[in-house]
Amino acid sequence: MEDALYGMIGKIKAQPGKRAELIALLSGGAADMPGCIAYLIAEDLGDADGIWITEVWKSKQFHADSLKLPAVRDAIARGRPLIAGFETHVETRPVNGAAR
């Protein structure tokens, strides 16, 4: 399974009134991450502060390596004050719909 696609789906709760700012921060540079097939950000229609992130990676290792990139580490540091919490997080193995 080393070469299996790796996915994550999670819900982030932004600080009240900070969802748009957090989305803008999360949106920057996602296309530049090696091994990232998809990085989708969605507003939760039932939660004014809720954001859903869906990620698809070529492997779990590519995801782990992305967390070491200076741009990602900087975005995490800048995003922390905008985040109220993490509500849901699941790991997945995408099996359809993502090209390598």
PDB file of N, CA and C in Angstrom:
ATOM      1  N   MET A   1       0.811  -1.205   0.000  1.00  0.00           N
ATOM      2  CA  MET A   1       0.000   0.000   0.000  1.00  0.00           C
ATOM      3  C   MET A   1       0.850   1.263   0.000  1.00  0.00           C
ATOM      4  N   GLU A   2       2.163   1.127  -0.070  1.00  0.00           N
ATOM      5  CA  GLU A   2       3.021   2.301  -0.050  1.00  0.00           C
ATOM      6  C   GLU A   2       2.705   3.284  -1.157  1.00  0.00           C
ATOM      7  N   ASP A   3       2.284   2.771  -2.322  1.00  0.00           N
ATOM      8  CA  ASP A   3       2.007   3.659  -3.441  1.00  0.00           C
ATOM      9  C   ASP A   3       0.531   4.051  -3.518  1.00  0.00           C
ATOM     10  N   ALA A   4      -0.269   3.728  -2.486  1.00  0.00           N
ATOM     11  CA  ALA A   4      -1.687   4.068  -2.458  1.00  0.00           C
ATOM     12  C   ALA A   4      -1.859   5.576  -2.281  1.00  0.00           C
ATOM     13  N   LEU A   5      -2.882   6.105  -2.918  1.00  0.00           N
ATOM     14  CA  LEU A   5      -3.224   7.500  -2.687  1.00  0.00           C
ATOM     15  C   LEU A   5      -3.604   7.680  -1.222  1.00  0.00           C
ATOM     16  N   TYR A   6      -3.417   8.887  -0.725  1.00  0.00           N
ATOM     17  CA  TYR A   6      -3.710   9.204   0.664  1.00  0.00           C
ATOM     18  C   TYR A   6      -4.612  10.429   0.683  1.00  0.00           C
ATOM     19  N   GLY A   7      -5.627  10.393   1.506  1.00  0.00           N
ATOM     20  CA  GLY A   7      -6.539  11.529   1.597  1.00  0.00           C
ATOM     21  C   GLY A   7      -6.846  11.898   3.026  1.00  0.00           C
ATOM     22  N   MET A   8      -7.299  13.124   3.167  1.00  0.00           N
ATOM     23  CA  MET A   8      -7.734  13.635   4.463  1.00  0.00           C
ATOM     24  C   MET A   8      -8.937  14.538   4.229  1.00  0.00           C
ATOM     25  N   ILE A   9      -9.884  14.470   5.146  1.00  0.00           N
ATOM     26  CA  ILE A   9     -11.034  15.369   5.133  1.00  0.00           C
ATOM     27  C   ILE A   9     -11.170  15.883   6.564  1.00  0.00           C
ATOM     28  N   GLY A  10     -11.243  17.192   6.705  1.00  0.00           N
ATOM     29  CA  GLY A  10     -11.338  17.742   8.049  1.00  0.00           C
ATOM     30  C   GLY A  10     -12.136  19.025   8.090  1.00  0.00           C
ATOM     31  N   LYS A  11     -12.698  19.282   9.256  1.00  0.00           N
ATOM     32  CA  LYS A  11     -13.432  20.523   9.475  1.00  0.00           C
ATOM     33  C   LYS A  11     -12.662  21.393  10.460  1.00  0.00           C
ATOM     34  N   ILE A  12     -12.446  22.626  10.038  1.00  0.00           N
ATOM     35  CA  ILE A  12     -11.789  23.625  10.883  1.00  0.00           C
ATOM     36  C   ILE A  12     -12.841  24.660  11.264  1.00  0.00           C
ATOM     37  N   LYS A  13     -12.842  25.040  12.505  1.00  0.00           N
ATOM     38  CA  LYS A  13     -13.727  26.092  12.988  1.00  0.00           C
ATOM     39  C   LYS A  13     -12.897  27.364  13.105  1.00  0.00           C
ATOM     40  N   ALA A  14     -13.243  28.370  12.289  1.00  0.00           N
ATOM     41  CA  ALA A  14     -12.540  29.657  12.336  1.00  0.00           C
ATOM     42  C   ALA A  14     -13.032  30.466  13.541  1.00  0.00           C
ATOM     43  N   GLN A  15     -12.194  31.387  13.985  1.00  0.00           N
ATOM     44  CA  GLN A  15     -12.650  32.339  14.989  1.00  0.00           C
ATOM     45  C   GLN A  15     -13.847  33.092  14.401  1.00  0.00           C
ATOM     46  N   PRO A  16     -14.802  33.514  15.219  1.00  0.00           N
ATOM     47  CA  PRO A  16     -15.984  34.212  14.699  1.00  0.00           C
ATOM     48  C   PRO A  16     -15.598  35.373  13.776  1.00  0.00           C
ATOM     49  N   GLY A  17     -16.188  35.367  12.591  1.00  0.00           N
ATOM     50  CA  GLY A  17     -15.956  36.436  11.627  1.00  0.00           C
ATOM     51  C   GLY A  17     -14.645  36.347  10.865  1.00  0.00           C
ATOM     52  N   LYS A  18     -13.854  35.300  11.081  1.00  0.00           N
ATOM     53  CA  LYS A  18     -12.528  35.181  10.459  1.00  0.00           C
ATOM     54  C   LYS A  18     -12.465  34.108   9.367  1.00  0.00           C
ATOM     55  N   ARG A  19     -13.613  33.527   8.989  1.00  0.00           N
ATOM     56  CA  ARG A  19     -13.585  32.432   8.019  1.00  0.00           C
ATOM     57  C   ARG A  19     -12.981  32.858   6.681  1.00  0.00           C
ATOM     58  N   ALA A  20     -13.398  33.982   6.120  1.00  0.00           N
ATOM     59  CA  ALA A  20     -12.883  34.419   4.818  1.00  0.00           C
ATOM     60  C   ALA A  20     -11.372  34.649   4.879  1.00  0.00           C
ATOM     61  N   GLU A  21     -10.895  35.230   5.959  1.00  0.00           N
ATOM     62  CA  GLU A  21      -9.459  35.475   6.122  1.00  0.00           C
ATOM     63  C   GLU A  21      -8.686  34.160   6.201  1.00  0.00           C
ATOM     64  N   LEU A  22      -9.228  33.194   6.926  1.00  0.00           N
ATOM     65  CA  LEU A  22      -8.576  31.895   7.050  1.00  0.00           C
ATOM     66  C   LEU A  22      -8.579  31.156   5.711  1.00  0.00           C
ATOM     67  N   ILE A  23      -9.680  31.226   4.983  1.00  0.00           N
ATOM     68  CA  ILE A  23      -9.742  30.589   3.662  1.00  0.00           C
ATOM     69  C   ILE A  23      -8.701  31.203   2.729  1.00  0.00           C
ATOM     70  N   ALA A  24      -8.575  32.512   2.747  1.00  0.00           N
ATOM     71  CA  ALA A  24      -7.581  33.174   1.896  1.00  0.00           C
ATOM     72  C   ALA A  24      -6.174  32.693   2.242  1.00  0.00           C
ATOM     73  N   LEU A  25      -5.889  32.555   3.515  1.00  0.00           N
ATOM     74  CA  LEU A  25      -4.569  32.089   3.952  1.00  0.00           C
ATOM     75  C   LEU A  25      -4.340  30.640   3.524  1.00  0.00           C
ATOM     76  N   LEU A  26      -5.331  29.791   3.721  1.00  0.00           N
ATOM     77  CA  LEU A  26      -5.201  28.380   3.359  1.00  0.00           C
ATOM     78  C   LEU A  26      -5.104  28.175   1.848  1.00  0.00           C
ATOM     79  N   SER A  27      -5.673  29.077   1.092  1.00  0.00           N
ATOM     80  CA  SER A  27      -5.688  28.952  -0.373  1.00  0.00           C
ATOM     81  C   SER A  27      -4.345  29.264  -1.015  1.00  0.00           C
ATOM     82  N   GLY A  28      -3.522  30.030  -0.373  1.00  0.00           N
ATOM     83  CA  GLY A  28      -2.254  30.449  -0.956  1.00  0.00           C
ATOM     84  C   GLY A  28      -1.239  29.329  -1.024  1.00  0.00           C
ATOM     85  N   GLY A  29      -0.739  29.040  -2.228  1.00  0.00           N
ATOM     86  CA  GLY A  29       0.370  28.121  -2.389  1.00  0.00           C
ATOM     87  C   GLY A  29       0.048  26.642  -2.396  1.00  0.00           C
ATOM     88  N   ALA A  30      -1.223  26.261  -2.331  1.00  0.00           N
ATOM     89  CA  ALA A  30      -1.562  24.834  -2.298  1.00  0.00           C
ATOM     90  C   ALA A  30      -1.097  24.117  -3.566  1.00  0.00           C
ATOM     91  N   ALA A  31      -1.101  24.809  -4.683  1.00  0.00           N
ATOM     92  CA  ALA A  31      -0.718  24.184  -5.953  1.00  0.00           C
ATOM     93  C   ALA A  31       0.775  23.872  -6.015  1.00  0.00           C
ATOM     94  N   ASP A  32       1.568  24.498  -5.158  1.00  0.00           N
ATOM     95  CA  ASP A  32       3.018  24.318  -5.185  1.00  0.00           C
ATOM     96  C   ASP A  32       3.515  23.170  -4.316  1.00  0.00           C
ATOM     97  N   MET A  33       2.615  22.404  -3.723  1.00  0.00           N
ATOM     98  CA  MET A  33       3.039  21.341  -2.823  1.00  0.00           C
ATOM     99  C   MET A  33       3.286  20.055  -3.621  1.00  0.00           C
ATOM    100  N   PRO A  34       4.525  19.559  -3.621  1.00  0.00           N
ATOM    101  CA  PRO A  34       4.833  18.325  -4.355  1.00  0.00           C
ATOM    102  C   PRO A  34       3.965  17.164  -3.880  1.00  0.00           C
ATOM    103  N   GLY A  35       3.422  16.412  -4.829  1.00  0.00           N
ATOM    104  CA  GLY A  35       2.618  15.246  -4.501  1.00  0.00           C
ATOM    105  C   GLY A  35       1.170  15.536  -4.191  1.00  0.00           C
ATOM    106  N   CYS A  36       0.786  16.809  -4.165  1.00  0.00           N
ATOM    107  CA  CYS A  36      -0.596  17.175  -3.873  1.00  0.00           C
ATOM    108  C   CYS A  36      -1.413  17.096  -5.161  1.00  0.00           C
ATOM    109  N   ILE A  37      -2.407  16.225  -5.164  1.00  0.00           N
ATOM    110  CA  ILE A  37      -3.279  16.063  -6.322  1.00  0.00           C
ATOM    111  C   ILE A  37      -4.468  17.012  -6.218  1.00  0.00           C
ATOM    112  N   ALA A  38      -4.999  17.175  -5.016  1.00  0.00           N
ATOM    113  CA  ALA A  38      -6.142  18.070  -4.809  1.00  0.00           C
ATOM    114  C   ALA A  38      -6.108  18.640  -3.399  1.00  0.00           C
ATOM    115  N   TYR A  39      -6.451  19.905  -3.299  1.00  0.00           N
ATOM    116  CA  TYR A  39      -6.568  20.580  -2.009  1.00  0.00           C
ATOM    117  C   TYR A  39      -7.791  21.478  -2.128  1.00  0.00           C
ATOM    118  N   LEU A  40      -8.928  20.980  -1.663  1.00  0.00           N
ATOM    119  CA  LEU A  40     -10.193  21.673  -1.831  1.00  0.00           C
ATOM    120  C   LEU A  40     -10.642  22.295  -0.520  1.00  0.00           C
ATOM    121  N   ILE A  41     -11.056  23.530  -0.598  1.00  0.00           N
ATOM    122  CA  ILE A  41     -11.543  24.251   0.573  1.00  0.00           C
ATOM    123  C   ILE A  41     -13.004  24.595   0.312  1.00  0.00           C
ATOM    124  N   ALA A  42     -13.868  24.305   1.285  1.00  0.00           N
ATOM    125  CA  ALA A  42     -15.288  24.577   1.133  1.00  0.00           C
ATOM    126  C   ALA A  42     -15.832  25.246   2.388  1.00  0.00           C
ATOM    127  N   GLU A  43     -16.741  26.192   2.187  1.00  0.00           N
ATOM    128  CA  GLU A  43     -17.453  26.802   3.307  1.00  0.00           C
ATOM    129  C   GLU A  43     -18.578  25.865   3.737  1.00  0.00           C
ATOM    130  N   ASP A  44     -18.756  25.702   5.029  1.00  0.00           N
ATOM    131  CA  ASP A  44     -19.862  24.918   5.567  1.00  0.00           C
ATOM    132  C   ASP A  44     -21.111  25.803   5.507  1.00  0.00           C
ATOM    133  N   LEU A  45     -22.126  25.373   4.754  1.00  0.00           N
ATOM    134  CA  LEU A  45     -23.329  26.186   4.584  1.00  0.00           C
ATOM    135  C   LEU A  45     -24.172  26.273   5.850  1.00  0.00           C
ATOM    136  N   GLY A  46     -23.985  25.352   6.782  1.00  0.00           N
ATOM    137  CA  GLY A  46     -24.745  25.371   8.017  1.00  0.00           C
ATOM    138  C   GLY A  46     -23.994  25.935   9.207  1.00  0.00           C
ATOM    139  N   ASP A  47     -22.786  26.414   8.976  1.00  0.00           N
ATOM    140  CA  ASP A  47     -21.935  26.911  10.062  1.00  0.00           C
ATOM    141  C   ASP A  47     -21.132  28.088   9.525  1.00  0.00           C
ATOM    142  N   ALA A  48     -21.466  29.278   9.960  1.00  0.00           N
ATOM    143  CA  ALA A  48     -20.844  30.501   9.432  1.00  0.00           C
ATOM    144  C   ALA A  48     -19.341  30.566   9.650  1.00  0.00           C
ATOM    145  N   ASP A  49     -18.817  29.769  10.560  1.00  0.00           N
ATOM    146  CA  ASP A  49     -17.384  29.776  10.836  1.00  0.00           C
ATOM    147  C   ASP A  49     -16.705  28.475  10.422  1.00  0.00           C
ATOM    148  N   GLY A  50     -17.460  27.551   9.836  1.00  0.00           N
ATOM    149  CA  GLY A  50     -16.930  26.239   9.481  1.00  0.00           C
ATOM    150  C   GLY A  50     -16.305  26.187   8.095  1.00  0.00           C
ATOM    151  N   ILE A  51     -15.179  25.477   8.013  1.00  0.00           N
ATOM    152  CA  ILE A  51     -14.445  25.274   6.755  1.00  0.00           C
ATOM    153  C   ILE A  51     -14.134  23.785   6.652  1.00  0.00           C
ATOM    154  N   TRP A  52     -14.391  23.193   5.486  1.00  0.00           N
ATOM    155  CA  TRP A  52     -14.038  21.796   5.214  1.00  0.00           C
ATOM    156  C   TRP A  52     -12.857  21.763   4.266  1.00  0.00           C
ATOM    157  N   ILE A  53     -11.865  20.962   4.584  1.00  0.00           N
ATOM    158  CA  ILE A  53     -10.688  20.786   3.730  1.00  0.00           C
ATOM    159  C   ILE A  53     -10.665  19.331   3.274  1.00  0.00           C
ATOM    160  N   THR A  54     -10.550  19.136   1.957  1.00  0.00           N
ATOM    161  CA  THR A  54     -10.412  17.801   1.392  1.00  0.00           C
ATOM    162  C   THR A  54      -9.085  17.766   0.654  1.00  0.00           C
ATOM    163  N   GLU A  55      -8.217  16.831   1.023  1.00  0.00           N
ATOM    164  CA  GLU A  55      -6.889  16.721   0.419  1.00  0.00           C
ATOM    165  C   GLU A  55      -6.712  15.339  -0.204  1.00  0.00           C
ATOM    166  N   VAL A  56      -6.039  15.295  -1.356  1.00  0.00           N
ATOM    167  CA  VAL A  56      -5.651  14.035  -1.985  1.00  0.00           C
ATOM    168  C   VAL A  56      -4.172  14.154  -2.328  1.00  0.00           C
ATOM    169  N   TRP A  57      -3.397  13.155  -1.884  1.00  0.00           N
ATOM    170  CA  TRP A  57      -1.947  13.137  -2.066  1.00  0.00           C
ATOM    171  C   TRP A  57      -1.527  11.870  -2.789  1.00  0.00           C
ATOM    172  N   LYS A  58      -0.400  11.922  -3.460  1.00  0.00           N
ATOM    173  CA  LYS A  58       0.138  10.734  -4.129  1.00  0.00           C
ATOM    174  C   LYS A  58       0.483   9.640  -3.132  1.00  0.00           C
ATOM    175  N   SER A  59       0.820  10.025  -1.892  1.00  0.00           N
ATOM    176  CA  SER A  59       1.090   9.061  -0.819  1.00  0.00           C
ATOM    177  C   SER A  59       1.048   9.801   0.514  1.00  0.00           C
ATOM    178  N   LYS A  60       0.986   9.026   1.585  1.00  0.00           N
ATOM    179  CA  LYS A  60       1.007   9.614   2.924  1.00  0.00           C
ATOM    180  C   LYS A  60       2.329  10.341   3.172  1.00  0.00           C
ATOM    181  N   GLN A  61       3.411   9.827   2.588  1.00  0.00           N
ATOM    182  CA  GLN A  61       4.724  10.462   2.768  1.00  0.00           C
ATOM    183  C   GLN A  61       4.767  11.861   2.149  1.00  0.00           C
ATOM    184  N   PHE A  62       4.143  12.036   0.980  1.00  0.00           N
ATOM    185  CA  PHE A  62       4.095  13.380   0.384  1.00  0.00           C
ATOM    186  C   PHE A  62       3.394  14.354   1.328  1.00  0.00           C
ATOM    187  N   HIS A  63       2.311  13.907   1.966  1.00  0.00           N
ATOM    188  CA  HIS A  63       1.623  14.784   2.906  1.00  0.00           C
ATOM    189  C   HIS A  63       2.540  15.129   4.078  1.00  0.00           C
ATOM    190  N   ALA A  64       3.189  14.125   4.642  1.00  0.00           N
ATOM    191  CA  ALA A  64       4.096  14.362   5.776  1.00  0.00           C
ATOM    192  C   ALA A  64       5.211  15.332   5.381  1.00  0.00           C
ATOM    193  N   ASP A  65       5.763  15.149   4.193  1.00  0.00           N
ATOM    194  CA  ASP A  65       6.835  16.027   3.727  1.00  0.00           C
ATOM    195  C   ASP A  65       6.354  17.461   3.534  1.00  0.00           C
ATOM    196  N   SER A  66       5.088  17.625   3.127  1.00  0.00           N
ATOM    197  CA  SER A  66       4.560  18.982   2.899  1.00  0.00           C
ATOM    198  C   SER A  66       4.558  19.797   4.181  1.00  0.00           C
ATOM    199  N   LEU A  67       4.394  19.141   5.320  1.00  0.00           N
ATOM    200  CA  LEU A  67       4.341  19.855   6.596  1.00  0.00           C
ATOM    201  C   LEU A  67       5.696  20.420   7.002  1.00  0.00           C
ATOM    202  N   LYS A  68       6.744  20.024   6.293  1.00  0.00           N
ATOM    203  CA  LYS A  68       8.095  20.525   6.565  1.00  0.00           C
ATOM    204  C   LYS A  68       8.474  21.703   5.662  1.00  0.00           C
ATOM    205  N   LEU A  69       7.660  21.984   4.652  1.00  0.00           N
ATOM    206  CA  LEU A  69       7.967  23.078   3.727  1.00  0.00           C
ATOM    207  C   LEU A  69       7.875  24.427   4.447  1.00  0.00           C
ATOM    208  N   PRO A  70       8.837  25.322   4.217  1.00  0.00           N
ATOM    209  CA  PRO A  70       8.798  26.628   4.887  1.00  0.00           C
ATOM    210  C   PRO A  70       7.494  27.391   4.660  1.00  0.00           C
ATOM    211  N   ALA A  71       6.943  27.367   3.462  1.00  0.00           N
ATOM    212  CA  ALA A  71       5.701  28.092   3.184  1.00  0.00           C
ATOM    213  C   ALA A  71       4.535  27.509   3.974  1.00  0.00           C
ATOM    214  N   VAL A  72       4.510  26.198   4.121  1.00  0.00           N
ATOM    215  CA  VAL A  72       3.431  25.547   4.878  1.00  0.00           C
ATOM    216  C   VAL A  72       3.587  25.852   6.367  1.00  0.00           C
ATOM    217  N   ARG A  73       4.799  25.780   6.862  1.00  0.00           N
ATOM    218  CA  ARG A  73       5.038  26.079   8.280  1.00  0.00           C
ATOM    219  C   ARG A  73       4.671  27.529   8.595  1.00  0.00           C
ATOM    220  N   ASP A  74       4.976  28.436   7.671  1.00  0.00           N
ATOM    221  CA  ASP A  74       4.617  29.842   7.847  1.00  0.00           C
ATOM    222  C   ASP A  74       3.103  30.027   7.840  1.00  0.00           C
ATOM    223  N   ALA A  75       2.412  29.359   6.920  1.00  0.00           N
ATOM    224  CA  ALA A  75       0.952  29.462   6.849  1.00  0.00           C
ATOM    225  C   ALA A  75       0.308  28.919   8.130  1.00  0.00           C
ATOM    226  N   ILE A  76       0.845  27.832   8.655  1.00  0.00           N
ATOM    227  CA  ILE A  76       0.326  27.266   9.900  1.00  0.00           C
ATOM    228  C   ILE A  76       0.490  28.275  11.034  1.00  0.00           C
ATOM    229  N   ALA A  77       1.647  28.880  11.124  1.00  0.00           N
ATOM    230  CA  ALA A  77       1.899  29.865  12.188  1.00  0.00           C
ATOM    231  C   ALA A  77       0.977  31.078  12.059  1.00  0.00           C
ATOM    232  N   ARG A  78       0.780  31.552  10.829  1.00  0.00           N
ATOM    233  CA  ARG A  78      -0.092  32.716  10.621  1.00  0.00           C
ATOM    234  C   ARG A  78      -1.565  32.361  10.801  1.00  0.00           C
ATOM    235  N   GLY A  79      -1.921  31.103  10.556  1.00  0.00           N
ATOM    236  CA  GLY A  79      -3.317  30.686  10.665  1.00  0.00           C
ATOM    237  C   GLY A  79      -3.775  30.383  12.081  1.00  0.00           C
ATOM    238  N   ARG A  80      -2.872  30.020  12.957  1.00  0.00           N
ATOM    239  CA  ARG A  80      -3.253  29.628  14.330  1.00  0.00           C
ATOM    240  C   ARG A  80      -4.179  30.634  15.022  1.00  0.00           C
ATOM    241  N   PRO A  81      -3.891  31.947  14.970  1.00  0.00           N
ATOM    242  CA  PRO A  81      -4.782  32.897  15.655  1.00  0.00           C
ATOM    243  C   PRO A  81      -6.187  32.974  15.043  1.00  0.00           C
ATOM    244  N   LEU A  82      -6.338  32.506  13.804  1.00  0.00           N
ATOM    245  CA  LEU A  82      -7.636  32.568  13.122  1.00  0.00           C
ATOM    246  C   LEU A  82      -8.478  31.326  13.376  1.00  0.00           C
ATOM    247  N   ILE A  83      -7.906  30.310  14.006  1.00  0.00           N
ATOM    248  CA  ILE A  83      -8.581  29.027  14.192  1.00  0.00           C
ATOM    249  C   ILE A  83      -9.104  28.894  15.619  1.00  0.00           C
ATOM    250  N   ALA A  84     -10.398  28.592  15.719  1.00  0.00           N
ATOM    251  CA  ALA A  84     -11.006  28.348  17.032  1.00  0.00           C
ATOM    252  C   ALA A  84     -10.852  26.889  17.440  1.00  0.00           C
ATOM    253  N   GLY A  85     -10.775  25.990  16.435  1.00  0.00           N
ATOM    254  CA  GLY A  85     -10.616  24.582  16.756  1.00  0.00           C
ATOM    255  C   GLY A  85     -10.755  23.696  15.540  1.00  0.00           C
ATOM    256  N   PHE A  86     -10.471  22.423  15.744  1.00  0.00           N
ATOM    257  CA  PHE A  86     -10.602  21.400  14.713  1.00  0.00           C
ATOM    258  C   PHE A  86     -11.702  20.453  15.176  1.00  0.00           C
ATOM    259  N   GLU A  87     -12.764  20.323  14.370  1.00  0.00           N
ATOM    260  CA  GLU A  87     -13.911  19.547  14.819  1.00  0.00           C
ATOM    261  C   GLU A  87     -13.895  18.097  14.355  1.00  0.00           C
ATOM    262  N   THR A  88     -13.507  17.860  13.127  1.00  0.00           N
ATOM    263  CA  THR A  88     -13.557  16.517  12.564  1.00  0.00           C
ATOM    264  C   THR A  88     -12.317  16.308  11.714  1.00  0.00           C
ATOM    265  N   HIS A  89     -11.771  15.083  11.760  1.00  0.00           N
ATOM    266  CA  HIS A  89     -10.600  14.776  10.939  1.00  0.00           C
ATOM    267  C   HIS A  89     -10.610  13.286  10.639  1.00  0.00           C
ATOM    268  N   VAL A  90     -10.585  12.934   9.362  1.00  0.00           N
ATOM    269  CA  VAL A  90     -10.513  11.528   8.980  1.00  0.00           C
ATOM    270  C   VAL A  90      -9.466  11.356   7.892  1.00  0.00           C
ATOM    271  N   GLU A  91      -8.801  10.207   7.926  1.00  0.00           N
ATOM    272  CA  GLU A  91      -7.867   9.840   6.872  1.00  0.00           C
ATOM    273  C   GLU A  91      -8.605   8.907   5.916  1.00  0.00           C
ATOM    274  N   THR A  92      -8.320   9.039   4.612  1.00  0.00           N
ATOM    275  CA  THR A  92      -8.987   8.222   3.620  1.00  0.00           C
ATOM    276  C   THR A  92      -7.966   7.650   2.634  1.00  0.00           C
ATOM    277  N   ARG A  93      -8.426   6.673   1.882  1.00  0.00           N
ATOM    278  CA  ARG A  93      -7.632   6.154   0.757  1.00  0.00           C
ATOM    279  C   ARG A  93      -8.477   6.354  -0.493  1.00  0.00           C
ATOM    280  N   PRO A  94      -8.249   7.442  -1.237  1.00  0.00           N
ATOM    281  CA  PRO A  94      -9.028   7.679  -2.442  1.00  0.00           C
ATOM    282  C   PRO A  94      -8.873   6.511  -3.424  1.00  0.00           C
ATOM    283  N   VAL A  95      -9.989   6.080  -3.995  1.00  0.00           N
ATOM    284  CA  VAL A  95      -9.948   4.955  -4.923  1.00  0.00           C
ATOM    285  C   VAL A  95     -10.529   5.299  -6.288  1.00  0.00           C
ATOM    286  N   ASN A  96     -11.128   6.481  -6.420  1.00  0.00           N
ATOM    287  CA  ASN A  96     -11.726   6.848  -7.690  1.00  0.00           C
ATOM    288  C   ASN A  96     -11.766   8.367  -7.814  1.00  0.00           C
ATOM    289  N   GLY A  97     -11.606   8.858  -9.029  1.00  0.00           N
ATOM    290  CA  GLY A  97     -11.793  10.277  -9.277  1.00  0.00           C
ATOM    291  C   GLY A  97     -10.546  11.127  -9.211  1.00  0.00           C
ATOM    292  N   ALA A  98      -9.416  10.584  -8.829  1.00  0.00           N
ATOM    293  CA  ALA A  98      -8.188  11.363  -8.751  1.00  0.00           C
ATOM    294  C   ALA A  98      -7.165  10.754  -9.688  1.00  0.00           C
ATOM    295  N   ALA A  99      -6.616  11.580 -10.562  1.00  0.00           N
ATOM    296  CA  ALA A  99      -5.566  11.109 -11.467  1.00  0.00           C
ATOM    297  C   ALA A  99      -4.223  11.238 -10.786  1.00  0.00           C
ATOM    298  N   ARG A 100      -3.324  10.385 -11.151  1.00  0.00           N
ATOM    299  CA  ARG A 100      -1.963  10.480 -10.608  1.00  0.00           C
ATOM    300  C   ARG A 100      -1.190  11.330 -11.525  1.00  0.00           C
TER     301      ARG A 100
END
